[in-house]
C-alpha atoms as a PDB file:
ATOM      1  CA  MET A   1      26.740 -18.766 -39.972  1.00  0.00           C
ATOM      2  CA  ASN A   2      25.960 -21.448 -37.393  1.00  0.00           C
ATOM      3  CA  LEU A   3      23.453 -24.064 -38.702  1.00  0.00           C
ATOM      4  CA  ALA A   4      23.281 -26.133 -35.493  1.00  0.00           C
ATOM      5  CA  PRO A   5      20.018 -24.536 -34.240  1.00  0.00           C
ATOM      6  CA  ALA A   6      18.375 -25.119 -37.655  1.00  0.00           C
ATOM      7  CA  ARG A   7      19.344 -28.790 -37.533  1.00  0.00           C
ATOM      8  CA  LEU A   8      17.557 -29.123 -34.203  1.00  0.00           C
ATOM      9  CA  LEU A   9      14.519 -27.154 -35.387  1.00  0.00           C
ATOM     10  CA  VAL A  10      13.654 -29.458 -38.304  1.00  0.00           C
ATOM     11  CA  PRO A  11      13.140 -32.634 -36.206  1.00  0.00           C
ATOM     12  CA  CYS A  12      11.123 -30.646 -33.651  1.00  0.00           C
ATOM     13  CA  LEU A  13       8.856 -29.237 -36.362  1.00  0.00           C
ATOM     14  CA  ALA A  14       8.415 -32.688 -37.879  1.00  0.00           C
ATOM     15  CA  ALA A  15       7.449 -34.182 -34.506  1.00  0.00           C
ATOM     16  CA  THR A  16       4.991 -31.346 -33.853  1.00  0.00           C
ATOM     17  CA  LEU A  17       3.401 -31.762 -37.282  1.00  0.00           C
ATOM     18  CA  SER A  18       3.071 -35.520 -36.772  1.00  0.00           C
ATOM     19  CA  LEU A  19       1.304 -35.048 -33.434  1.00  0.00           C
ATOM     20  CA  THR A  20      -0.973 -32.403 -34.960  1.00  0.00           C
ATOM     21  CA  LEU A  21      -1.965 -34.724 -37.813  1.00  0.00           C
ATOM     22  CA  LEU A  22      -2.801 -37.491 -35.342  1.00  0.00           C
ATOM     23  CA  ALA A  23      -5.231 -35.149 -33.609  1.00  0.00           C
ATOM     24  CA  ILE A  24      -7.197 -34.430 -36.820  1.00  0.00           C
ATOM     25  CA  PRO A  25     -10.252 -36.694 -37.023  1.00  0.00           C
ATOM     26  CA  ALA A  26     -10.551 -38.998 -40.009  1.00  0.00           C
ATOM     27  CA  THR A  27     -13.093 -37.954 -42.608  1.00  0.00           C
ATOM     28  CA  ALA A  28     -14.794 -39.786 -45.421  1.00  0.00           C
ATOM     29  CA  GLN A  29     -11.951 -38.536 -47.605  1.00  0.00           C
ATOM     30  CA  ASP A  30      -9.590 -40.668 -45.507  1.00  0.00           C
ATOM     31  CA  ASP A  31     -11.829 -43.734 -45.742  1.00  0.00           C
ATOM     32  CA  PRO A  32     -10.394 -46.126 -48.351  1.00  0.00           C
ATOM     33  CA  GLY A  33     -13.870 -47.591 -48.909  1.00  0.00           C
ATOM     34  CA  ALA A  34     -15.232 -44.131 -49.696  1.00  0.00           C
ATOM     35  CA  GLN A  35     -12.414 -43.452 -52.132  1.00  0.00           C
ATOM     36  CA  ILE A  36     -12.931 -46.745 -53.961  1.00  0.00           C
ATOM     37  CA  PHE A  37     -16.702 -46.187 -53.989  1.00  0.00           C
ATOM     38  CA  LYS A  38     -16.198 -42.770 -55.606  1.00  0.00           C
ATOM     39  CA  LEU A  39     -13.855 -44.204 -58.232  1.00  0.00           C
ATOM     40  CA  ARG A  40     -15.684 -47.427 -59.065  1.00  0.00           C
ATOM     41  CA  CYS A  41     -19.318 -47.256 -57.955  1.00  0.00           C
ATOM     42  CA  VAL A  42     -20.671 -43.704 -58.115  1.00  0.00           C
ATOM     43  CA  MET A  43     -21.108 -43.724 -61.894  1.00  0.00           C
ATOM     44  CA  CYS A  44     -23.899 -46.279 -61.626  1.00  0.00           C
ATOM     45  CA  HIS A  45     -25.015 -46.232 -57.993  1.00  0.00           C
ATOM     46  CA  GLY A  46     -24.658 -42.482 -57.351  1.00  0.00           C
ATOM     47  CA  ALA A  47     -22.997 -40.764 -54.393  1.00  0.00           C
ATOM     48  CA  ASP A  48     -25.994 -41.600 -52.206  1.00  0.00           C
ATOM     49  CA  GLY A  49     -26.190 -45.219 -53.410  1.00  0.00           C
ATOM     50  CA  SER A  50     -29.658 -44.702 -54.907  1.00  0.00           C
ATOM     51  CA  GLY A  51     -28.763 -45.824 -58.436  1.00  0.00           C
ATOM     52  CA  ASN A  52     -30.404 -42.637 -59.695  1.00  0.00           C
ATOM     53  CA  THR A  53     -27.757 -41.742 -62.288  1.00  0.00           C
ATOM     54  CA  PRO A  54     -27.884 -41.836 -66.090  1.00  0.00           C
ATOM     55  CA  ALA A  55     -25.791 -45.023 -66.159  1.00  0.00           C
ATOM     56  CA  GLY A  56     -27.706 -46.430 -63.198  1.00  0.00           C
ATOM     57  CA  LYS A  57     -30.976 -45.949 -65.041  1.00  0.00           C
ATOM     58  CA  VAL A  58     -29.648 -47.624 -68.197  1.00  0.00           C
ATOM     59  CA  TYR A  59     -28.272 -50.616 -66.289  1.00  0.00           C
ATOM     60  CA  LYS A  60     -31.050 -50.634 -63.685  1.00  0.00           C
ATOM     61  CA  ALA A  61     -28.485 -50.361 -60.881  1.00  0.00           C
ATOM     62  CA  ALA A  62     -29.779 -51.428 -57.510  1.00  0.00           C
ATOM     63  CA  SER A  63     -30.284 -48.878 -54.782  1.00  0.00           C
ATOM     64  CA  LEU A  64     -27.702 -49.775 -52.178  1.00  0.00           C
ATOM     65  CA  THR A  65     -30.048 -48.517 -49.468  1.00  0.00           C
ATOM     66  CA  ASP A  66     -32.917 -50.792 -50.541  1.00  0.00           C
ATOM     67  CA  PRO A  67     -33.823 -53.394 -47.887  1.00  0.00           C
ATOM     68  CA  MET A  68     -33.308 -56.120 -50.530  1.00  0.00           C
ATOM     69  CA  ILE A  69     -29.637 -55.076 -50.596  1.00  0.00           C
ATOM     70  CA  THR A  70     -29.107 -54.012 -46.980  1.00  0.00           C
ATOM     71  CA  GLY A  71     -30.640 -57.305 -45.862  1.00  0.00           C
ATOM     72  CA  LYS A  72     -27.944 -59.326 -47.603  1.00  0.00           C
ATOM     73  CA  SER A  73     -24.948 -60.506 -45.615  1.00  0.00           C
ATOM     74  CA  ASN A  74     -21.504 -59.067 -46.230  1.00  0.00           C
ATOM     75  CA  ASP A  75     -20.492 -62.423 -47.723  1.00  0.00           C
ATOM     76  CA  GLU A  76     -23.361 -62.269 -50.229  1.00  0.00           C
ATOM     77  CA  LEU A  77     -22.567 -58.677 -51.204  1.00  0.00           C
ATOM     78  CA  HIS A  78     -18.857 -59.462 -51.400  1.00  0.00           C
ATOM     79  CA  ALA A  79     -19.570 -62.285 -53.860  1.00  0.00           C
ATOM     80  CA  ILE A  80     -21.743 -59.984 -56.005  1.00  0.00           C
ATOM     81  CA  VAL A  81     -19.078 -57.262 -56.169  1.00  0.00           C
ATOM     82  CA  LYS A  82     -16.299 -59.762 -56.786  1.00  0.00           C
ATOM     83  CA  ASN A  83     -18.034 -62.009 -59.334  1.00  0.00           C
ATOM     84  CA  GLY A  84     -20.764 -59.761 -60.714  1.00  0.00           C
ATOM     85  CA  LYS A  85     -24.452 -60.553 -61.017  1.00  0.00           C
ATOM     86  CA  ASN A  86     -26.904 -59.762 -63.801  1.00  0.00           C
ATOM     87  CA  LYS A  87     -25.733 -56.380 -65.164  1.00  0.00           C
ATOM     88  CA  MET A  88     -23.389 -55.753 -62.221  1.00  0.00           C
ATOM     89  CA  PRO A  89     -19.885 -56.345 -63.572  1.00  0.00           C
ATOM     90  CA  SER A  90     -17.240 -58.386 -61.792  1.00  0.00           C
ATOM     91  CA  PHE A  91     -14.579 -56.399 -59.954  1.00  0.00           C
ATOM     92  CA  LYS A  92     -12.278 -59.306 -59.071  1.00  0.00           C
ATOM     93  CA  ALA A  93      -9.649 -58.068 -61.529  1.00  0.00           C
ATOM     94  CA  GLN A  94      -9.781 -54.498 -60.203  1.00  0.00           C
ATOM     95  CA  LEU A  95     -10.271 -54.856 -56.439  1.00  0.00           C
ATOM     96  CA  THR A  96      -8.714 -57.027 -53.758  1.00  0.00           C
ATOM     97  CA  ASP A  97     -10.880 -58.775 -51.175  1.00  0.00           C
ATOM     98  CA  GLU A  98      -9.772 -56.164 -48.617  1.00  0.00           C
ATOM     99  CA  GLN A  99     -10.810 -53.314 -50.940  1.00  0.00           C
ATOM    100  CA  ILE A 100     -14.215 -54.922 -51.536  1.00  0.00           C
ATOM    101  CA  ASP A 101     -14.686 -55.254 -47.767  1.00  0.00           C
ATOM    102  CA  ALA A 102     -13.752 -51.563 -47.337  1.00  0.00           C
ATOM    103  CA  VAL A 103     -16.351 -50.558 -49.942  1.00  0.00           C
ATOM    104  CA  LEU A 104     -19.000 -52.695 -48.246  1.00  0.00           C
ATOM    105  CA  ALA A 105     -18.213 -51.097 -44.876  1.00  0.00           C
ATOM    106  CA  TYR A 106     -18.645 -47.686 -46.493  1.00  0.00           C
ATOM    107  CA  VAL A 107     -21.902 -48.695 -48.212  1.00  0.00           C
ATOM    108  CA  ARG A 108     -23.297 -49.935 -44.891  1.00  0.00           C
ATOM    109  CA  LYS A 109     -22.877 -46.352 -43.576  1.00  0.00           C
ATOM    110  CA  LEU A 110     -24.919 -44.738 -46.365  1.00  0.00           C
ATOM    111  CA  PRO A 111     -28.100 -43.027 -45.111  1.00  0.00           C
ATOM    112  CA  GLN A 112     -31.206 -45.166 -45.506  1.00  0.00           C
END
């Protein structure tokens, strides 16, 4: 049995698959900020950022779509996520600065 054609087929299929994947638009699932938000923030702030969750109600989590929050600069919000404030815990041991920035970029896209 001659395997030469099969050896040529594998790289061609791999190249085709790579080009196909590049053509697929990125979704929120591909957004690292969205993934981190789902893992670290949803419990208190909710998927919509409203803070309307059982834990959010207990800790009085801020609505991330409230003008008091959306009006803050990225630097201010970064400091709050990194260092904590009031009942908001610090995430400096869990998230890098780049991950915090990715979460903030995602939060800025939440519907008002």
